[in-house]
Amino acid sequence: MSIEELTTFLGWSSVINLIILTLSAIILILFKGKVAPLHAKMFSLKEENVLRAYFEYLGQYKILIIMFNITPYIALKVMY
């Protein structure tokens, strides 16, 4: 795999992951009242803990996208 192919891969991977992150955030915001009680019952948690877990999920996913997709993409763009 050449550097150009890797750069293209990381670019598209970043775009796809950012779309997934955005859709997840929008779905959680719009349907929080319906989904949170369901997940609370499924996992025997309090609803406030489920809401906290949603926030942690979105934050950790964003950090992973930055670390493993966007940062290497920018490094390769600067290098090449």
PDB file of N, CA and C in Angstrom:
ATOM      1  N   MET A   1       0.842  -1.165   0.000  1.00  0.00           N
ATOM      2  CA  MET A   1       0.000   0.000   0.000  1.00  0.00           C
ATOM      3  C   MET A   1       0.891   1.232   0.000  1.00  0.00           C
ATOM      4  N   SER A   2       0.640   2.122  -0.918  1.00  0.00           N
ATOM      5  CA  SER A   2       1.455   3.342  -1.010  1.00  0.00           C
ATOM      6  C   SER A   2       0.950   4.392  -0.026  1.00  0.00           C
ATOM      7  N   ILE A   3       1.751   5.424   0.147  1.00  0.00           N
ATOM      8  CA  ILE A   3       1.378   6.518   1.045  1.00  0.00           C
ATOM      9  C   ILE A   3       0.130   7.225   0.533  1.00  0.00           C
ATOM     10  N   GLU A   4       0.004   7.367  -0.766  1.00  0.00           N
ATOM     11  CA  GLU A   4      -1.193   8.010  -1.331  1.00  0.00           C
ATOM     12  C   GLU A   4      -2.449   7.199  -1.030  1.00  0.00           C
ATOM     13  N   GLU A   5      -2.354   5.877  -1.189  1.00  0.00           N
ATOM     14  CA  GLU A   5      -3.510   5.026  -0.895  1.00  0.00           C
ATOM     15  C   GLU A   5      -3.874   5.058   0.592  1.00  0.00           C
ATOM     16  N   LEU A   6      -2.864   5.053   1.443  1.00  0.00           N
ATOM     17  CA  LEU A   6      -3.101   5.120   2.877  1.00  0.00           C
ATOM     18  C   LEU A   6      -3.735   6.446   3.271  1.00  0.00           C
ATOM     19  N   THR A   7      -3.276   7.527   2.665  1.00  0.00           N
ATOM     20  CA  THR A   7      -3.851   8.845   2.926  1.00  0.00           C
ATOM     21  C   THR A   7      -5.306   8.891   2.490  1.00  0.00           C
ATOM     22  N   THR A   8      -5.600   8.355   1.332  1.00  0.00           N
ATOM     23  CA  THR A   8      -6.980   8.305   0.851  1.00  0.00           C
ATOM     24  C   THR A   8      -7.842   7.459   1.774  1.00  0.00           C
ATOM     25  N   PHE A   9      -7.328   6.306   2.185  1.00  0.00           N
ATOM     26  CA  PHE A   9      -8.064   5.437   3.099  1.00  0.00           C
ATOM     27  C   PHE A   9      -8.382   6.139   4.405  1.00  0.00           C
ATOM     28  N   LEU A  10      -7.377   6.797   5.000  1.00  0.00           N
ATOM     29  CA  LEU A  10      -7.592   7.480   6.270  1.00  0.00           C
ATOM     30  C   LEU A  10      -8.564   8.653   6.117  1.00  0.00           C
ATOM     31  N   GLY A  11      -8.506   9.323   4.971  1.00  0.00           N
ATOM     32  CA  GLY A  11      -9.438  10.422   4.725  1.00  0.00           C
ATOM     33  C   GLY A  11     -10.872   9.938   4.686  1.00  0.00           C
ATOM     34  N   TRP A  12     -11.122   8.890   3.916  1.00  0.00           N
ATOM     35  CA  TRP A  12     -12.488   8.360   3.823  1.00  0.00           C
ATOM     36  C   TRP A  12     -12.927   7.713   5.134  1.00  0.00           C
ATOM     37  N   SER A  13     -12.003   7.077   5.814  1.00  0.00           N
ATOM     38  CA  SER A  13     -12.317   6.492   7.115  1.00  0.00           C
ATOM     39  C   SER A  13     -12.729   7.581   8.111  1.00  0.00           C
ATOM     40  N   SER A  14     -12.040   8.707   8.070  1.00  0.00           N
ATOM     41  CA  SER A  14     -12.387   9.840   8.934  1.00  0.00           C
ATOM     42  C   SER A  14     -13.785  10.352   8.618  1.00  0.00           C
ATOM     43  N   VAL A  15     -14.091  10.503   7.343  1.00  0.00           N
ATOM     44  CA  VAL A  15     -15.404  11.003   6.934  1.00  0.00           C
ATOM     45  C   VAL A  15     -16.508  10.051   7.400  1.00  0.00           C
ATOM     46  N   ILE A  16     -16.324   8.767   7.165  1.00  0.00           N
ATOM     47  CA  ILE A  16     -17.337   7.783   7.551  1.00  0.00           C
ATOM     48  C   ILE A  16     -17.528   7.767   9.067  1.00  0.00           C
ATOM     49  N   ASN A  17     -16.439   7.780   9.820  1.00  0.00           N
ATOM     50  CA  ASN A  17     -16.546   7.772  11.280  1.00  0.00           C
ATOM     51  C   ASN A  17     -17.182   9.045  11.815  1.00  0.00           C
ATOM     52  N   LEU A  18     -16.888  10.186  11.217  1.00  0.00           N
ATOM     53  CA  LEU A  18     -17.515  11.430  11.659  1.00  0.00           C
ATOM     54  C   LEU A  18     -19.012  11.435  11.349  1.00  0.00           C
ATOM     55  N   ILE A  19     -19.414  10.839  10.238  1.00  0.00           N
ATOM     56  CA  ILE A  19     -20.840  10.716   9.923  1.00  0.00           C
ATOM     57  C   ILE A  19     -21.528   9.819  10.944  1.00  0.00           C
ATOM     58  N   ILE A  20     -20.896   8.704  11.291  1.00  0.00           N
ATOM     59  CA  ILE A  20     -21.468   7.801  12.302  1.00  0.00           C
ATOM     60  C   ILE A  20     -21.584   8.514  13.645  1.00  0.00           C
ATOM     61  N   LEU A  21     -20.561   9.266  14.036  1.00  0.00           N
ATOM     62  CA  LEU A  21     -20.591  10.010  15.291  1.00  0.00           C
ATOM     63  C   LEU A  21     -21.720  11.033  15.284  1.00  0.00           C
ATOM     64  N   THR A  22     -21.862  11.758  14.196  1.00  0.00           N
ATOM     65  CA  THR A  22     -22.906  12.778  14.093  1.00  0.00           C
ATOM     66  C   THR A  22     -24.294  12.157  14.146  1.00  0.00           C
ATOM     67  N   LEU A  23     -24.495  11.085  13.394  1.00  0.00           N
ATOM     68  CA  LEU A  23     -25.797  10.411  13.410  1.00  0.00           C
ATOM     69  C   LEU A  23     -26.111   9.843  14.792  1.00  0.00           C
ATOM     70  N   SER A  24     -25.115   9.277  15.450  1.00  0.00           N
ATOM     71  CA  SER A  24     -25.328   8.746  16.800  1.00  0.00           C
ATOM     72  C   SER A  24     -25.737   9.852  17.760  1.00  0.00           C
ATOM     73  N   ALA A  25     -25.064  10.979  17.685  1.00  0.00           N
ATOM     74  CA  ALA A  25     -25.396  12.100  18.566  1.00  0.00           C
ATOM     75  C   ALA A  25     -26.805  12.621  18.277  1.00  0.00           C
ATOM     76  N   ILE A  26     -27.149  12.757  17.007  1.00  0.00           N
ATOM     77  CA  ILE A  26     -28.479  13.247  16.650  1.00  0.00           C
ATOM     78  C   ILE A  26     -29.562  12.276  17.118  1.00  0.00           C
ATOM     79  N   ILE A  27     -29.346  10.989  16.908  1.00  0.00           N
ATOM     80  CA  ILE A  27     -30.327   9.984  17.330  1.00  0.00           C
ATOM     81  C   ILE A  27     -30.486   9.994  18.849  1.00  0.00           C
ATOM     82  N   LEU A  28     -29.382  10.090  19.565  1.00  0.00           N
ATOM     83  CA  LEU A  28     -29.469  10.116  21.029  1.00  0.00           C
ATOM     84  C   LEU A  28     -30.157  11.379  21.532  1.00  0.00           C
ATOM     85  N   ILE A  29     -29.944  12.499  20.867  1.00  0.00           N
ATOM     86  CA  ILE A  29     -30.599  13.733  21.277  1.00  0.00           C
ATOM     87  C   ILE A  29     -32.098  13.666  20.993  1.00  0.00           C
ATOM     88  N   LEU A  30     -32.470  13.197  19.809  1.00  0.00           N
ATOM     89  CA  LEU A  30     -33.871  13.179  19.416  1.00  0.00           C
ATOM     90  C   LEU A  30     -34.689  12.108  20.137  1.00  0.00           C
ATOM     91  N   PHE A  31     -34.089  10.942  20.373  1.00  0.00           N
ATOM     92  CA  PHE A  31     -34.833   9.813  20.916  1.00  0.00           C
ATOM     93  C   PHE A  31     -34.387   9.418  22.325  1.00  0.00           C
ATOM     94  N   LYS A  32     -33.756  10.342  23.023  1.00  0.00           N
ATOM     95  CA  LYS A  32     -33.243  10.056  24.360  1.00  0.00           C
ATOM     96  C   LYS A  32     -34.358   9.595  25.303  1.00  0.00           C
ATOM     97  N   GLY A  33     -35.508  10.203  25.227  1.00  0.00           N
ATOM     98  CA  GLY A  33     -36.614   9.865  26.114  1.00  0.00           C
ATOM     99  C   GLY A  33     -37.167   8.469  25.891  1.00  0.00           C
ATOM    100  N   LYS A  34     -37.049   7.950  24.681  1.00  0.00           N
ATOM    101  CA  LYS A  34     -37.570   6.619  24.372  1.00  0.00           C
ATOM    102  C   LYS A  34     -36.509   5.532  24.530  1.00  0.00           C
ATOM    103  N   VAL A  35     -35.267   5.856  24.199  1.00  0.00           N
ATOM    104  CA  VAL A  35     -34.214   4.849  24.189  1.00  0.00           C
ATOM    105  C   VAL A  35     -33.602   4.637  25.574  1.00  0.00           C
ATOM    106  N   ALA A  36     -33.426   5.710  26.331  1.00  0.00           N
ATOM    107  CA  ALA A  36     -32.770   5.599  27.641  1.00  0.00           C
ATOM    108  C   ALA A  36     -33.528   4.679  28.604  1.00  0.00           C
ATOM    109  N   PRO A  37     -34.849   4.797  28.738  1.00  0.00           N
ATOM    110  CA  PRO A  37     -35.543   3.854  29.637  1.00  0.00           C
ATOM    111  C   PRO A  37     -35.431   2.397  29.177  1.00  0.00           C
ATOM    112  N   LEU A  38     -35.446   2.190  27.877  1.00  0.00           N
ATOM    113  CA  LEU A  38     -35.305   0.837  27.340  1.00  0.00           C
ATOM    114  C   LEU A  38     -33.944   0.248  27.688  1.00  0.00           C
ATOM    115  N   HIS A  39     -32.888   1.025  27.474  1.00  0.00           N
ATOM    116  CA  HIS A  39     -31.541   0.553  27.804  1.00  0.00           C
ATOM    117  C   HIS A  39     -31.368   0.391  29.314  1.00  0.00           C
ATOM    118  N   ALA A  40     -31.997   1.253  30.088  1.00  0.00           N
ATOM    119  CA  ALA A  40     -31.914   1.136  31.551  1.00  0.00           C
ATOM    120  C   ALA A  40     -32.522  -0.183  32.009  1.00  0.00           C
ATOM    121  N   LYS A  41     -33.651  -0.573  31.420  1.00  0.00           N
ATOM    122  CA  LYS A  41     -34.273  -1.846  31.780  1.00  0.00           C
ATOM    123  C   LYS A  41     -33.443  -3.028  31.270  1.00  0.00           C
ATOM    124  N   MET A  42     -32.902  -2.911  30.074  1.00  0.00           N
ATOM    125  CA  MET A  42     -32.133  -4.015  29.493  1.00  0.00           C
ATOM    126  C   MET A  42     -30.898  -4.342  30.318  1.00  0.00           C
ATOM    127  N   PHE A  43     -30.240  -3.303  30.835  1.00  0.00           N
ATOM    128  CA  PHE A  43     -28.970  -3.510  31.528  1.00  0.00           C
ATOM    129  C   PHE A  43     -29.066  -3.301  33.035  1.00  0.00           C
ATOM    130  N   SER A  44     -30.279  -3.194  33.548  1.00  0.00           N
ATOM    131  CA  SER A  44     -30.518  -3.012  34.992  1.00  0.00           C
ATOM    132  C   SER A  44     -29.736  -1.830  35.548  1.00  0.00           C
ATOM    133  N   LEU A  45     -29.875  -0.703  34.891  1.00  0.00           N
ATOM    134  CA  LEU A  45     -29.201   0.522  35.318  1.00  0.00           C
ATOM    135  C   LEU A  45     -30.229   1.605  35.581  1.00  0.00           C
ATOM    136  N   LYS A  46     -29.793   2.631  36.291  1.00  0.00           N
ATOM    137  CA  LYS A  46     -30.631   3.812  36.443  1.00  0.00           C
ATOM    138  C   LYS A  46     -30.559   4.614  35.152  1.00  0.00           C
ATOM    139  N   GLU A  47     -31.629   5.314  34.858  1.00  0.00           N
ATOM    140  CA  GLU A  47     -31.674   6.075  33.611  1.00  0.00           C
ATOM    141  C   GLU A  47     -30.586   7.146  33.556  1.00  0.00           C
ATOM    142  N   GLU A  48     -30.267   7.761  34.691  1.00  0.00           N
ATOM    143  CA  GLU A  48     -29.217   8.789  34.708  1.00  0.00           C
ATOM    144  C   GLU A  48     -27.853   8.185  34.369  1.00  0.00           C
ATOM    145  N   ASN A  49     -27.622   6.932  34.785  1.00  0.00           N
ATOM    146  CA  ASN A  49     -26.362   6.265  34.439  1.00  0.00           C
ATOM    147  C   ASN A  49     -26.296   5.933  32.958  1.00  0.00           C
ATOM    148  N   VAL A  50     -27.432   5.602  32.378  1.00  0.00           N
ATOM    149  CA  VAL A  50     -27.481   5.329  30.936  1.00  0.00           C
ATOM    150  C   VAL A  50     -27.165   6.605  30.161  1.00  0.00           C
ATOM    151  N   LEU A  51     -27.727   7.719  30.589  1.00  0.00           N
ATOM    152  CA  LEU A  51     -27.452   8.993  29.910  1.00  0.00           C
ATOM    153  C   LEU A  51     -25.974   9.356  30.024  1.00  0.00           C
ATOM    154  N   ARG A  52     -25.376   9.087  31.172  1.00  0.00           N
ATOM    155  CA  ARG A  52     -23.941   9.336  31.353  1.00  0.00           C
ATOM    156  C   ARG A  52     -23.126   8.422  30.431  1.00  0.00           C
ATOM    157  N   ALA A  53     -23.571   7.177  30.284  1.00  0.00           N
ATOM    158  CA  ALA A  53     -22.874   6.233  29.409  1.00  0.00           C
ATOM    159  C   ALA A  53     -22.936   6.694  27.956  1.00  0.00           C
ATOM    160  N   TYR A  54     -24.079   7.260  27.539  1.00  0.00           N
ATOM    161  CA  TYR A  54     -24.180   7.802  26.181  1.00  0.00           C
ATOM    162  C   TYR A  54     -23.146   8.901  25.965  1.00  0.00           C
ATOM    163  N   PHE A  55     -23.045   9.804  26.936  1.00  0.00           N
ATOM    164  CA  PHE A  55     -22.102  10.919  26.834  1.00  0.00           C
ATOM    165  C   PHE A  55     -20.666  10.409  26.776  1.00  0.00           C
ATOM    166  N   GLU A  56     -20.339   9.419  27.612  1.00  0.00           N
ATOM    167  CA  GLU A  56     -18.986   8.850  27.609  1.00  0.00           C
ATOM    168  C   GLU A  56     -18.687   8.148  26.285  1.00  0.00           C
ATOM    169  N   TYR A  57     -19.679   7.438  25.758  1.00  0.00           N
ATOM    170  CA  TYR A  57     -19.520   6.755  24.469  1.00  0.00           C
ATOM    171  C   TYR A  57     -19.185   7.753  23.367  1.00  0.00           C
ATOM    172  N   LEU A  58     -19.953   8.823  23.292  1.00  0.00           N
ATOM    173  CA  LEU A  58     -19.709   9.815  22.239  1.00  0.00           C
ATOM    174  C   LEU A  58     -18.343  10.472  22.407  1.00  0.00           C
ATOM    175  N   GLY A  59     -17.971  10.768  23.632  1.00  0.00           N
ATOM    176  CA  GLY A  59     -16.670  11.395  23.883  1.00  0.00           C
ATOM    177  C   GLY A  59     -15.503  10.481  23.541  1.00  0.00           C
ATOM    178  N   GLN A  60     -15.602   9.225  23.954  1.00  0.00           N
ATOM    179  CA  GLN A  60     -14.518   8.287  23.667  1.00  0.00           C
ATOM    180  C   GLN A  60     -14.417   7.977  22.177  1.00  0.00           C
ATOM    181  N   TYR A  61     -15.561   7.880  21.524  1.00  0.00           N
ATOM    182  CA  TYR A  61     -15.556   7.625  20.083  1.00  0.00           C
ATOM    183  C   TYR A  61     -14.912   8.789  19.335  1.00  0.00           C
ATOM    184  N   LYS A  62     -15.208  10.006  19.776  1.00  0.00           N
ATOM    185  CA  LYS A  62     -14.609  11.185  19.152  1.00  0.00           C
ATOM    186  C   LYS A  62     -13.089  11.195  19.337  1.00  0.00           C
ATOM    187  N   ILE A  63     -12.633  10.860  20.532  1.00  0.00           N
ATOM    188  CA  ILE A  63     -11.188  10.811  20.792  1.00  0.00           C
ATOM    189  C   ILE A  63     -10.521   9.756  19.917  1.00  0.00           C
ATOM    190  N   LEU A  64     -11.148   8.593  19.784  1.00  0.00           N
ATOM    191  CA  LEU A  64     -10.583   7.528  18.943  1.00  0.00           C
ATOM    192  C   LEU A  64     -10.518   7.942  17.472  1.00  0.00           C
ATOM    193  N   ILE A  65     -11.531   8.639  16.991  1.00  0.00           N
ATOM    194  CA  ILE A  65     -11.513   9.124  15.609  1.00  0.00           C
ATOM    195  C   ILE A  65     -10.349  10.090  15.406  1.00  0.00           C
ATOM    196  N   ILE A  66     -10.179  10.974  16.351  1.00  0.00           N
ATOM    197  CA  ILE A  66      -9.079  11.947  16.246  1.00  0.00           C
ATOM    198  C   ILE A  66      -7.732  11.246  16.282  1.00  0.00           C
ATOM    199  N   MET A  67      -7.565  10.297  17.203  1.00  0.00           N
ATOM    200  CA  MET A  67      -6.271   9.618  17.371  1.00  0.00           C
ATOM    201  C   MET A  67      -5.918   8.704  16.207  1.00  0.00           C
ATOM    202  N   PHE A  68      -6.886   7.925  15.737  1.00  0.00           N
ATOM    203  CA  PHE A  68      -6.576   6.875  14.774  1.00  0.00           C
ATOM    204  C   PHE A  68      -6.932   7.201  13.326  1.00  0.00           C
ATOM    205  N   ASN A  69      -7.663   8.274  13.079  1.00  0.00           N
ATOM    206  CA  ASN A  69      -8.021   8.624  11.710  1.00  0.00           C
ATOM    207  C   ASN A  69      -7.522  10.007  11.306  1.00  0.00           C
ATOM    208  N   ILE A  70      -7.907  11.011  12.064  1.00  0.00           N
ATOM    209  CA  ILE A  70      -7.633  12.386  11.651  1.00  0.00           C
ATOM    210  C   ILE A  70      -6.167  12.752  11.824  1.00  0.00           C
ATOM    211  N   THR A  71      -5.572  12.404  12.977  1.00  0.00           N
ATOM    212  CA  THR A  71      -4.164  12.746  13.209  1.00  0.00           C
ATOM    213  C   THR A  71      -3.228  12.077  12.199  1.00  0.00           C
ATOM    214  N   PRO A  72      -3.351  10.765  11.941  1.00  0.00           N
ATOM    215  CA  PRO A  72      -2.485  10.167  10.923  1.00  0.00           C
ATOM    216  C   PRO A  72      -2.737  10.751   9.533  1.00  0.00           C
ATOM    217  N   TYR A  73      -3.990  11.065   9.228  1.00  0.00           N
ATOM    218  CA  TYR A  73      -4.319  11.653   7.927  1.00  0.00           C
ATOM    219  C   TYR A  73      -3.604  12.992   7.753  1.00  0.00           C
ATOM    220  N   ILE A  74      -3.679  13.837   8.772  1.00  0.00           N
ATOM    221  CA  ILE A  74      -3.009  15.146   8.707  1.00  0.00           C
ATOM    222  C   ILE A  74      -1.495  14.975   8.619  1.00  0.00           C
ATOM    223  N   ALA A  75      -0.952  14.028   9.395  1.00  0.00           N
ATOM    224  CA  ALA A  75       0.503  13.780   9.355  1.00  0.00           C
ATOM    225  C   ALA A  75       0.947  13.358   7.965  1.00  0.00           C
ATOM    226  N   LEU A  76       0.180  12.467   7.318  1.00  0.00           N
ATOM    227  CA  LEU A  76       0.534  12.029   5.976  1.00  0.00           C
ATOM    228  C   LEU A  76       0.376  13.163   4.948  1.00  0.00           C
ATOM    229  N   LYS A  77      -0.638  13.982   5.126  1.00  0.00           N
ATOM    230  CA  LYS A  77      -0.821  15.123   4.209  1.00  0.00           C
ATOM    231  C   LYS A  77       0.337  16.106   4.325  1.00  0.00           C
ATOM    232  N   VAL A  78       0.783  16.353   5.560  1.00  0.00           N
ATOM    233  CA  VAL A  78       1.905  17.270   5.772  1.00  0.00           C
ATOM    234  C   VAL A  78       3.193  16.669   5.226  1.00  0.00           C
ATOM    235  N   MET A  79       3.351  15.349   5.422  1.00  0.00           N
ATOM    236  CA  MET A  79       4.571  14.674   5.009  1.00  0.00           C
ATOM    237  C   MET A  79       4.669  14.560   3.494  1.00  0.00           C
ATOM    238  N   TYR A  80       3.525  14.356   2.836  1.00  0.00           N
ATOM    239  CA  TYR A  80       3.560  14.074   1.409  1.00  0.00           C
ATOM    240  C   TYR A  80       3.182  15.247   0.573  1.00  0.00           C
TER     241      TYR A  80
END
